[in-house]
Every structure is written in structure tokens, then in C-alpha cells.
Amino acid sequence: PGLCHQVSVDENGQEPLSMRVSEAMATVVKNDPHEI
């Protein structure tokens, strides 16, 4: 913690894991998920 951006477990399990990874990366690089 502090060295990385962390996304906790998806409690509902509705969103595909690949989409959650893409959204997390977009947050880190401060860009739209469709632009990375």
C-alpha cells in the first residue's frame, strides 16, 4: 500500500475481471479506458 493503486474485491461479481483491470489502469494513468 502506498506504492500502488489497489482495487478491492468485487463483492457483487457482476463486472468481468478484464473490465475492472482496464478501469483501474485508466485511473492510474489518468485517461479514459477507451484511450489507453
PDB file of all heavy atoms in Angstrom:
ATOM      1  N   PRO A   1       0.843  -1.208   0.000  1.00  0.00           N
ATOM      2  CA  PRO A   1       0.000   0.000   0.000  1.00  0.00           C
ATOM      3  C   PRO A   1       0.875   1.254   0.000  1.00  0.00           C
ATOM      4  O   PRO A   1       1.874   1.328   0.681  1.00  0.00           O
ATOM      5  CB  PRO A   1      -0.785  -0.130   1.314  1.00  0.00           C
ATOM      6  CG  PRO A   1      -0.811  -1.604   1.596  1.00  0.00           C
ATOM      7  CD  PRO A   1       0.506  -2.137   1.089  1.00  0.00           C
ATOM      8  N   GLY A   2       0.500   2.208  -0.774  1.00  0.00           N
ATOM      9  CA  GLY A   2       1.283   3.428  -0.899  1.00  0.00           C
ATOM     10  C   GLY A   2       2.176   3.408  -2.126  1.00  0.00           C
ATOM     11  O   GLY A   2       2.543   4.466  -2.657  1.00  0.00           O
ATOM     12  N   LEU A   3       2.543   2.207  -2.590  1.00  0.00           N
ATOM     13  CA  LEU A   3       3.357   2.081  -3.792  1.00  0.00           C
ATOM     14  C   LEU A   3       2.520   1.732  -5.010  1.00  0.00           C
ATOM     15  O   LEU A   3       3.033   1.694  -6.127  1.00  0.00           O
ATOM     16  CB  LEU A   3       4.434   0.999  -3.599  1.00  0.00           C
ATOM     17  CG  LEU A   3       5.448   1.239  -2.482  1.00  0.00           C
ATOM     18  CD1 LEU A   3       6.414   0.062  -2.388  1.00  0.00           C
ATOM     19  CD2 LEU A   3       6.209   2.537  -2.720  1.00  0.00           C
ATOM     20  N   CYS A   4       1.251   1.455  -4.781  1.00  0.00           N
ATOM     21  CA  CYS A   4       0.421   1.024  -5.896  1.00  0.00           C
ATOM     22  C   CYS A   4      -1.027   1.455  -5.697  1.00  0.00           C
ATOM     23  O   CYS A   4      -1.446   1.827  -4.596  1.00  0.00           O
ATOM     24  CB  CYS A   4       0.503  -0.498  -6.068  1.00  0.00           C
ATOM     25  SG  CYS A   4      -0.231  -1.411  -4.696  1.00  0.00           S
ATOM     26  N   HIS A   5      -1.766   1.387  -6.781  1.00  0.00           N
ATOM     27  CA  HIS A   5      -3.207   1.612  -6.747  1.00  0.00           C
ATOM     28  C   HIS A   5      -3.871   0.245  -6.576  1.00  0.00           C
ATOM     29  O   HIS A   5      -3.588  -0.693  -7.321  1.00  0.00           O
ATOM     30  CB  HIS A   5      -3.670   2.268  -8.055  1.00  0.00           C
ATOM     31  CG  HIS A   5      -5.147   2.401  -8.185  1.00  0.00           C
ATOM     32  ND1 HIS A   5      -5.889   3.316  -7.462  1.00  0.00           N
ATOM     33  CD2 HIS A   5      -6.040   1.721  -8.959  1.00  0.00           C
ATOM     34  CE1 HIS A   5      -7.162   3.203  -7.792  1.00  0.00           C
ATOM     35  NE2 HIS A   5      -7.282   2.246  -8.704  1.00  0.00           N
ATOM     36  N   GLN A   6      -4.743   0.124  -5.577  1.00  0.00           N
ATOM     37  CA  GLN A   6      -5.371  -1.153  -5.298  1.00  0.00           C
ATOM     38  C   GLN A   6      -6.887  -1.053  -5.440  1.00  0.00           C
ATOM     39  O   GLN A   6      -7.496  -0.072  -5.018  1.00  0.00           O
ATOM     40  CB  GLN A   6      -5.025  -1.644  -3.890  1.00  0.00           C
ATOM     41  CG  GLN A   6      -3.556  -2.034  -3.737  1.00  0.00           C
ATOM     42  CD  GLN A   6      -3.261  -2.667  -2.383  1.00  0.00           C
ATOM     43  OE1 GLN A   6      -3.893  -2.318  -1.391  1.00  0.00           O
ATOM     44  NE2 GLN A   6      -2.302  -3.576  -2.345  1.00  0.00           N
ATOM     45  N   VAL A   7      -7.455  -2.087  -6.044  1.00  0.00           N
ATOM     46  CA  VAL A   7      -8.899  -2.190  -6.195  1.00  0.00           C
ATOM     47  C   VAL A   7      -9.337  -3.424  -5.430  1.00  0.00           C
ATOM     48  O   VAL A   7      -8.818  -4.525  -5.652  1.00  0.00           O
ATOM     49  CB  VAL A   7      -9.308  -2.317  -7.680  1.00  0.00           C
ATOM     50  CG1 VAL A   7     -10.821  -2.437  -7.798  1.00  0.00           C
ATOM     51  CG2 VAL A   7      -8.792  -1.131  -8.468  1.00  0.00           C
ATOM     52  N   SER A   8     -10.265  -3.249  -4.514  1.00  0.00           N
ATOM     53  CA  SER A   8     -10.699  -4.356  -3.660  1.00  0.00           C
ATOM     54  C   SER A   8     -11.567  -5.335  -4.431  1.00  0.00           C
ATOM     55  O   SER A   8     -11.920  -5.116  -5.599  1.00  0.00           O
ATOM     56  CB  SER A   8     -11.445  -3.823  -2.441  1.00  0.00           C
ATOM     57  OG  SER A   8     -12.580  -3.084  -2.848  1.00  0.00           O
ATOM     58  N   VAL A   9     -11.930  -6.393  -3.763  1.00  0.00           N
ATOM     59  CA  VAL A   9     -12.717  -7.461  -4.372  1.00  0.00           C
ATOM     60  C   VAL A   9     -14.088  -6.930  -4.794  1.00  0.00           C
ATOM     61  O   VAL A   9     -14.713  -6.145  -4.085  1.00  0.00           O
ATOM     62  CB  VAL A   9     -12.884  -8.628  -3.372  1.00  0.00           C
ATOM     63  CG1 VAL A   9     -13.743  -9.729  -3.973  1.00  0.00           C
ATOM     64  CG2 VAL A   9     -11.537  -9.158  -2.958  1.00  0.00           C
ATOM     65  N   ASP A  10     -14.541  -7.370  -5.967  1.00  0.00           N
ATOM     66  CA  ASP A  10     -15.869  -7.021  -6.446  1.00  0.00           C
ATOM     67  C   ASP A  10     -16.881  -7.920  -5.739  1.00  0.00           C
ATOM     68  O   ASP A  10     -17.040  -9.095  -6.081  1.00  0.00           O
ATOM     69  CB  ASP A  10     -15.941  -7.222  -7.968  1.00  0.00           C
ATOM     70  CG  ASP A  10     -17.313  -6.879  -8.538  1.00  0.00           C
ATOM     71  OD1 ASP A  10     -18.126  -6.288  -7.803  1.00  0.00           O
ATOM     72  OD2 ASP A  10     -17.566  -7.211  -9.716  1.00  0.00           O
ATOM     73  N   GLU A  11     -17.544  -7.381  -4.731  1.00  0.00           N
ATOM     74  CA  GLU A  11     -18.428  -8.187  -3.903  1.00  0.00           C
ATOM     75  C   GLU A  11     -19.594  -8.754  -4.701  1.00  0.00           C
ATOM     76  O   GLU A  11     -20.063  -9.861  -4.459  1.00  0.00           O
ATOM     77  CB  GLU A  11     -18.958  -7.348  -2.724  1.00  0.00           C
ATOM     78  CG  GLU A  11     -17.876  -6.848  -1.784  1.00  0.00           C
ATOM     79  CD  GLU A  11     -17.201  -7.979  -1.019  1.00  0.00           C
ATOM     80  OE1 GLU A  11     -17.755  -9.100  -0.997  1.00  0.00           O
ATOM     81  OE2 GLU A  11     -16.129  -7.739  -0.435  1.00  0.00           O
ATOM     82  N   ASN A  12     -20.104  -7.991  -5.663  1.00  0.00           N
ATOM     83  CA  ASN A  12     -21.256  -8.444  -6.443  1.00  0.00           C
ATOM     84  C   ASN A  12     -20.868  -9.421  -7.546  1.00  0.00           C
ATOM     85  O   ASN A  12     -21.671 -10.247  -7.966  1.00  0.00           O
ATOM     86  CB  ASN A  12     -21.983  -7.242  -7.057  1.00  0.00           C
ATOM     87  CG  ASN A  12     -22.548  -6.307  -5.993  1.00  0.00           C
ATOM     88  OD1 ASN A  12     -23.025  -6.769  -4.964  1.00  0.00           O
ATOM     89  ND2 ASN A  12     -22.492  -4.998  -6.247  1.00  0.00           N
ATOM     90  N   GLY A  13     -19.599  -9.325  -8.008  1.00  0.00           N
ATOM     91  CA  GLY A  13     -19.125 -10.237  -9.038  1.00  0.00           C
ATOM     92  C   GLY A  13     -19.811 -10.057 -10.380  1.00  0.00           C
ATOM     93  O   GLY A  13     -19.853 -10.984 -11.196  1.00  0.00           O
ATOM     94  N   GLN A  14     -20.372  -8.881 -10.635  1.00  0.00           N
ATOM     95  CA  GLN A  14     -21.118  -8.653 -11.864  1.00  0.00           C
ATOM     96  C   GLN A  14     -20.218  -8.216 -13.022  1.00  0.00           C
ATOM     97  O   GLN A  14     -20.505  -8.517 -14.171  1.00  0.00           O
ATOM     98  CB  GLN A  14     -22.197  -7.577 -11.621  1.00  0.00           C
ATOM     99  CG  GLN A  14     -23.200  -7.953 -10.537  1.00  0.00           C
ATOM    100  CD  GLN A  14     -24.035  -9.156 -10.912  1.00  0.00           C
ATOM    101  OE1 GLN A  14     -24.412  -9.330 -12.061  1.00  0.00           O
ATOM    102  NE2 GLN A  14     -24.306 -10.011  -9.938  1.00  0.00           N
ATOM    103  N   GLU A  15     -19.157  -7.503 -12.719  1.00  0.00           N
ATOM    104  CA  GLU A  15     -18.309  -6.922 -13.760  1.00  0.00           C
ATOM    105  C   GLU A  15     -17.172  -7.874 -14.119  1.00  0.00           C
ATOM    106  O   GLU A  15     -16.494  -8.395 -13.224  1.00  0.00           O
ATOM    107  CB  GLU A  15     -17.742  -5.589 -13.268  1.00  0.00           C
ATOM    108  CG  GLU A  15     -17.148  -4.736 -14.361  1.00  0.00           C
ATOM    109  CD  GLU A  15     -16.773  -3.360 -13.838  1.00  0.00           C
ATOM    110  OE1 GLU A  15     -16.396  -3.255 -12.658  1.00  0.00           O
ATOM    111  OE2 GLU A  15     -16.861  -2.393 -14.616  1.00  0.00           O
ATOM    112  N   PRO A  16     -16.939  -8.142 -15.403  1.00  0.00           N
ATOM    113  CA  PRO A  16     -15.824  -9.027 -15.786  1.00  0.00           C
ATOM    114  C   PRO A  16     -14.501  -8.498 -15.250  1.00  0.00           C
ATOM    115  O   PRO A  16     -14.278  -7.287 -15.168  1.00  0.00           O
ATOM    116  CB  PRO A  16     -15.863  -8.997 -17.316  1.00  0.00           C
ATOM    117  CG  PRO A  16     -17.260  -8.600 -17.666  1.00  0.00           C
ATOM    118  CD  PRO A  16     -17.697  -7.684 -16.565  1.00  0.00           C
ATOM    119  N   LEU A  17     -13.614  -9.421 -14.891  1.00  0.00           N
ATOM    120  CA  LEU A  17     -12.334  -9.046 -14.315  1.00  0.00           C
ATOM    121  C   LEU A  17     -11.524  -8.181 -15.271  1.00  0.00           C
ATOM    122  O   LEU A  17     -10.865  -7.222 -14.855  1.00  0.00           O
ATOM    123  CB  LEU A  17     -11.559 -10.316 -13.943  1.00  0.00           C
ATOM    124  CG  LEU A  17     -10.260 -10.145 -13.169  1.00  0.00           C
ATOM    125  CD1 LEU A  17     -10.474  -9.339 -11.897  1.00  0.00           C
ATOM    126  CD2 LEU A  17      -9.672 -11.512 -12.827  1.00  0.00           C
ATOM    127  N   SER A  18     -11.554  -8.485 -16.557  1.00  0.00           N
ATOM    128  CA  SER A  18     -10.783  -7.704 -17.533  1.00  0.00           C
ATOM    129  C   SER A  18     -11.259  -6.251 -17.579  1.00  0.00           C
ATOM    130  O   SER A  18     -10.447  -5.325 -17.735  1.00  0.00           O
ATOM    131  CB  SER A  18     -10.900  -8.338 -18.924  1.00  0.00           C
ATOM    132  OG  SER A  18     -12.257  -8.403 -19.340  1.00  0.00           O
ATOM    133  N   MET A  19     -12.560  -6.032 -17.421  1.00  0.00           N
ATOM    134  CA  MET A  19     -13.077  -4.661 -17.421  1.00  0.00           C
ATOM    135  C   MET A  19     -12.638  -3.924 -16.159  1.00  0.00           C
ATOM    136  O   MET A  19     -12.287  -2.733 -16.222  1.00  0.00           O
ATOM    137  CB  MET A  19     -14.604  -4.682 -17.525  1.00  0.00           C
ATOM    138  CG  MET A  19     -15.238  -3.308 -17.672  1.00  0.00           C
ATOM    139  SD  MET A  19     -17.028  -3.399 -17.931  1.00  0.00           S
ATOM    140  CE  MET A  19     -17.078  -4.285 -19.491  1.00  0.00           C
ATOM    141  N   ARG A  20     -12.618  -4.603 -15.034  1.00  0.00           N
ATOM    142  CA  ARG A  20     -12.171  -3.978 -13.790  1.00  0.00           C
ATOM    143  C   ARG A  20     -10.696  -3.596 -13.881  1.00  0.00           C
ATOM    144  O   ARG A  20     -10.281  -2.541 -13.387  1.00  0.00           O
ATOM    145  CB  ARG A  20     -12.392  -4.925 -12.615  1.00  0.00           C
ATOM    146  CG  ARG A  20     -13.858  -5.215 -12.321  1.00  0.00           C
ATOM    147  CD  ARG A  20     -14.013  -6.168 -11.155  1.00  0.00           C
ATOM    148  NE  ARG A  20     -13.405  -5.632  -9.956  1.00  0.00           N
ATOM    149  CZ  ARG A  20     -12.618  -6.317  -9.141  1.00  0.00           C
ATOM    150  NH1 ARG A  20     -12.319  -7.586  -9.408  1.00  0.00           N
ATOM    151  NH2 ARG A  20     -12.112  -5.761  -8.060  1.00  0.00           N
ATOM    152  N   VAL A  21      -9.875  -4.456 -14.516  1.00  0.00           N
ATOM    153  CA  VAL A  21      -8.454  -4.143 -14.698  1.00  0.00           C
ATOM    154  C   VAL A  21      -8.298  -2.909 -15.594  1.00  0.00           C
ATOM    155  O   VAL A  21      -7.488  -2.013 -15.307  1.00  0.00           O
ATOM    156  CB  VAL A  21      -7.707  -5.346 -15.300  1.00  0.00           C
ATOM    157  CG1 VAL A  21      -6.284  -4.959 -15.688  1.00  0.00           C
ATOM    158  CG2 VAL A  21      -7.689  -6.510 -14.313  1.00  0.00           C
ATOM    159  N   SER A  22      -9.077  -2.839 -16.676  1.00  0.00           N
ATOM    160  CA  SER A  22      -8.992  -1.699 -17.595  1.00  0.00           C
ATOM    161  C   SER A  22      -9.381  -0.397 -16.901  1.00  0.00           C
ATOM    162  O   SER A  22      -8.729   0.642 -17.071  1.00  0.00           O
ATOM    163  CB  SER A  22      -9.895  -1.936 -18.809  1.00  0.00           C
ATOM    164  OG  SER A  22      -9.470  -3.054 -19.553  1.00  0.00           O
ATOM    165  N   GLU A  23     -10.426  -0.445 -16.100  1.00  0.00           N
ATOM    166  CA  GLU A  23     -10.855   0.759 -15.385  1.00  0.00           C
ATOM    167  C   GLU A  23      -9.825   1.177 -14.350  1.00  0.00           C
ATOM    168  O   GLU A  23      -9.573   2.375 -14.151  1.00  0.00           O
ATOM    169  CB  GLU A  23     -12.209   0.489 -14.717  1.00  0.00           C
ATOM    170  CG  GLU A  23     -13.345   0.321 -15.720  1.00  0.00           C
ATOM    171  CD  GLU A  23     -14.632  -0.118 -15.064  1.00  0.00           C
ATOM    172  OE1 GLU A  23     -14.584  -0.505 -13.863  1.00  0.00           O
ATOM    173  OE2 GLU A  23     -15.687  -0.106 -15.735  1.00  0.00           O
ATOM    174  N   ALA A  24      -9.181   0.192 -13.688  1.00  0.00           N
ATOM    175  CA  ALA A  24      -8.152   0.520 -12.700  1.00  0.00           C
ATOM    176  C   ALA A  24      -6.942   1.163 -13.373  1.00  0.00           C
ATOM    177  O   ALA A  24      -6.370   2.131 -12.859  1.00  0.00           O
ATOM    178  CB  ALA A  24      -7.723  -0.742 -11.953  1.00  0.00           C
ATOM    179  N   MET A  25      -6.536   0.638 -14.539  1.00  0.00           N
ATOM    180  CA  MET A  25      -5.397   1.217 -15.246  1.00  0.00           C
ATOM    181  C   MET A  25      -5.717   2.630 -15.720  1.00  0.00           C
ATOM    182  O   MET A  25      -4.860   3.537 -15.656  1.00  0.00           O
ATOM    183  CB  MET A  25      -5.007   0.340 -16.436  1.00  0.00           C
ATOM    184  CG  MET A  25      -3.815   0.877 -17.231  1.00  0.00           C
ATOM    185  SD  MET A  25      -2.308   1.058 -16.225  1.00  0.00           S
ATOM    186  CE  MET A  25      -1.842  -0.672 -16.058  1.00  0.00           C
ATOM    187  N   ALA A  26      -6.933   2.848 -16.183  1.00  0.00           N
ATOM    188  CA  ALA A  26      -7.318   4.188 -16.620  1.00  0.00           C
ATOM    189  C   ALA A  26      -7.210   5.181 -15.469  1.00  0.00           C
ATOM    190  O   ALA A  26      -6.819   6.339 -15.655  1.00  0.00           O
ATOM    191  CB  ALA A  26      -8.739   4.162 -17.178  1.00  0.00           C
ATOM    192  N   THR A  27      -7.541   4.754 -14.273  1.00  0.00           N
ATOM    193  CA  THR A  27      -7.417   5.620 -13.095  1.00  0.00           C
ATOM    194  C   THR A  27      -5.959   5.952 -12.814  1.00  0.00           C
ATOM    195  O   THR A  27      -5.623   7.100 -12.504  1.00  0.00           O
ATOM    196  CB  THR A  27      -8.038   4.932 -11.868  1.00  0.00           C
ATOM    197  OG1 THR A  27      -9.420   4.678 -12.111  1.00  0.00           O
ATOM    198  CG2 THR A  27      -7.884   5.788 -10.624  1.00  0.00           C
ATOM    199  N   VAL A  28      -5.070   4.955 -12.934  1.00  0.00           N
ATOM    200  CA  VAL A  28      -3.647   5.163 -12.648  1.00  0.00           C
ATOM    201  C   VAL A  28      -3.018   6.122 -13.650  1.00  0.00           C
ATOM    202  O   VAL A  28      -2.263   7.029 -13.279  1.00  0.00           O
ATOM    203  CB  VAL A  28      -2.897   3.810 -12.637  1.00  0.00           C
ATOM    204  CG1 VAL A  28      -1.393   4.037 -12.560  1.00  0.00           C
ATOM    205  CG2 VAL A  28      -3.360   2.951 -11.463  1.00  0.00           C
ATOM    206  N   VAL A  29      -3.311   5.935 -14.943  1.00  0.00           N
ATOM    207  CA  VAL A  29      -2.675   6.765 -15.976  1.00  0.00           C
ATOM    208  C   VAL A  29      -3.482   8.024 -16.265  1.00  0.00           C
ATOM    209  O   VAL A  29      -3.102   8.818 -17.138  1.00  0.00           O
ATOM    210  CB  VAL A  29      -2.469   5.961 -17.278  1.00  0.00           C
ATOM    211  CG1 VAL A  29      -1.557   4.769 -17.020  1.00  0.00           C
ATOM    212  CG2 VAL A  29      -3.798   5.503 -17.872  1.00  0.00           C
ATOM    213  N   LYS A  30      -4.621   8.179 -15.538  1.00  0.00           N
ATOM    214  CA  LYS A  30      -5.456   9.383 -15.667  1.00  0.00           C
ATOM    215  C   LYS A  30      -5.899   9.591 -17.117  1.00  0.00           C
ATOM    216  O   LYS A  30      -5.646  10.640 -17.745  1.00  0.00           O
ATOM    217  CB  LYS A  30      -4.716  10.614 -15.153  1.00  0.00           C
ATOM    218  CG  LYS A  30      -4.371  10.542 -13.669  1.00  0.00           C
ATOM    219  CD  LYS A  30      -3.619  11.790 -13.219  1.00  0.00           C
ATOM    220  CE  LYS A  30      -3.364  11.769 -11.728  1.00  0.00           C
ATOM    221  NZ  LYS A  30      -2.588  10.597 -11.273  1.00  0.00           N
ATOM    222  N   ASN A  31      -6.546   8.570 -17.634  1.00  0.00           N
ATOM    223  CA  ASN A  31      -7.014   8.623 -19.007  1.00  0.00           C
ATOM    224  C   ASN A  31      -8.322   7.858 -19.116  1.00  0.00           C
ATOM    225  O   ASN A  31      -8.720   7.123 -18.205  1.00  0.00           O
ATOM    226  CB  ASN A  31      -5.972   8.015 -19.958  1.00  0.00           C
ATOM    227  CG  ASN A  31      -6.070   8.581 -21.358  1.00  0.00           C
ATOM    228  OD1 ASN A  31      -7.118   9.079 -21.768  1.00  0.00           O
ATOM    229  ND2 ASN A  31      -4.973   8.497 -22.104  1.00  0.00           N
ATOM    230  N   ASP A  32      -9.005   8.029 -20.221  1.00  0.00           N
ATOM    231  CA  ASP A  32     -10.244   7.297 -20.468  1.00  0.00           C
ATOM    232  C   ASP A  32      -9.910   5.849 -20.807  1.00  0.00           C
ATOM    233  O   ASP A  32      -8.939   5.595 -21.525  1.00  0.00           O
ATOM    234  CB  ASP A  32     -11.002   7.952 -21.638  1.00  0.00           C
ATOM    235  CG  ASP A  32     -12.371   7.324 -21.838  1.00  0.00           C
ATOM    236  OD1 ASP A  32     -12.433   6.268 -22.506  1.00  0.00           O
ATOM    237  OD2 ASP A  32     -13.356   7.876 -21.334  1.00  0.00           O
ATOM    238  N   PRO A  33     -10.670   4.876 -20.291  1.00  0.00           N
ATOM    239  CA  PRO A  33     -10.384   3.469 -20.592  1.00  0.00           C
ATOM    240  C   PRO A  33     -10.309   3.171 -22.080  1.00  0.00           C
ATOM    241  O   PRO A  33      -9.583   2.250 -22.498  1.00  0.00           O
ATOM    242  CB  PRO A  33     -11.556   2.725 -19.930  1.00  0.00           C
ATOM    243  CG  PRO A  33     -12.022   3.628 -18.849  1.00  0.00           C
ATOM    244  CD  PRO A  33     -11.811   5.019 -19.361  1.00  0.00           C
ATOM    245  N   HIS A  34     -11.033   3.927 -22.899  1.00  0.00           N
ATOM    246  CA  HIS A  34     -11.027   3.688 -24.351  1.00  0.00           C
ATOM    247  C   HIS A  34      -9.827   4.324 -25.037  1.00  0.00           C
ATOM    248  O   HIS A  34      -9.593   4.068 -26.225  1.00  0.00           O
ATOM    249  CB  HIS A  34     -12.326   4.221 -24.971  1.00  0.00           C
ATOM    250  CG  HIS A  34     -13.567   3.580 -24.415  1.00  0.00           C
ATOM    251  ND1 HIS A  34     -13.924   2.281 -24.671  1.00  0.00           N
ATOM    252  CD2 HIS A  34     -14.529   4.087 -23.583  1.00  0.00           C
ATOM    253  CE1 HIS A  34     -15.055   1.990 -24.042  1.00  0.00           C
ATOM    254  NE2 HIS A  34     -15.444   3.070 -23.368  1.00  0.00           N
ATOM    255  N   GLU A  35      -9.070   5.147 -24.320  1.00  0.00           N
ATOM    256  CA  GLU A  35      -7.938   5.846 -24.917  1.00  0.00           C
ATOM    257  C   GLU A  35      -6.604   5.165 -24.630  1.00  0.00           C
ATOM    258  O   GLU A  35      -5.584   5.522 -25.216  1.00  0.00           O
ATOM    259  CB  GLU A  35      -7.887   7.295 -24.396  1.00  0.00           C
ATOM    260  CG  GLU A  35      -9.113   8.125 -24.728  1.00  0.00           C
ATOM    261  CD  GLU A  35      -9.304   8.294 -26.236  1.00  0.00           C
ATOM    262  OE1 GLU A  35      -8.273   8.388 -26.953  1.00  0.00           O
ATOM    263  OE2 GLU A  35     -10.452   8.334 -26.684  1.00  0.00           O
ATOM    264  N   ILE A  36      -6.575   4.208 -23.722  1.00  0.00           N
ATOM    265  CA  ILE A  36      -5.315   3.521 -23.402  1.00  0.00           C
ATOM    266  C   ILE A  36      -5.143   2.309 -24.311  1.00  0.00           C
ATOM    267  O   ILE A  36      -6.121   1.811 -24.888  1.00  0.00           O
ATOM    268  CB  ILE A  36      -5.292   3.082 -21.918  1.00  0.00           C
ATOM    269  CG1 ILE A  36      -6.441   2.113 -21.611  1.00  0.00           C
ATOM    270  CG2 ILE A  36      -5.360   4.283 -21.003  1.00  0.00           C
ATOM    271  CD1 ILE A  36      -6.460   1.622 -20.178  1.00  0.00           C
TER     272      ILE A  36
END
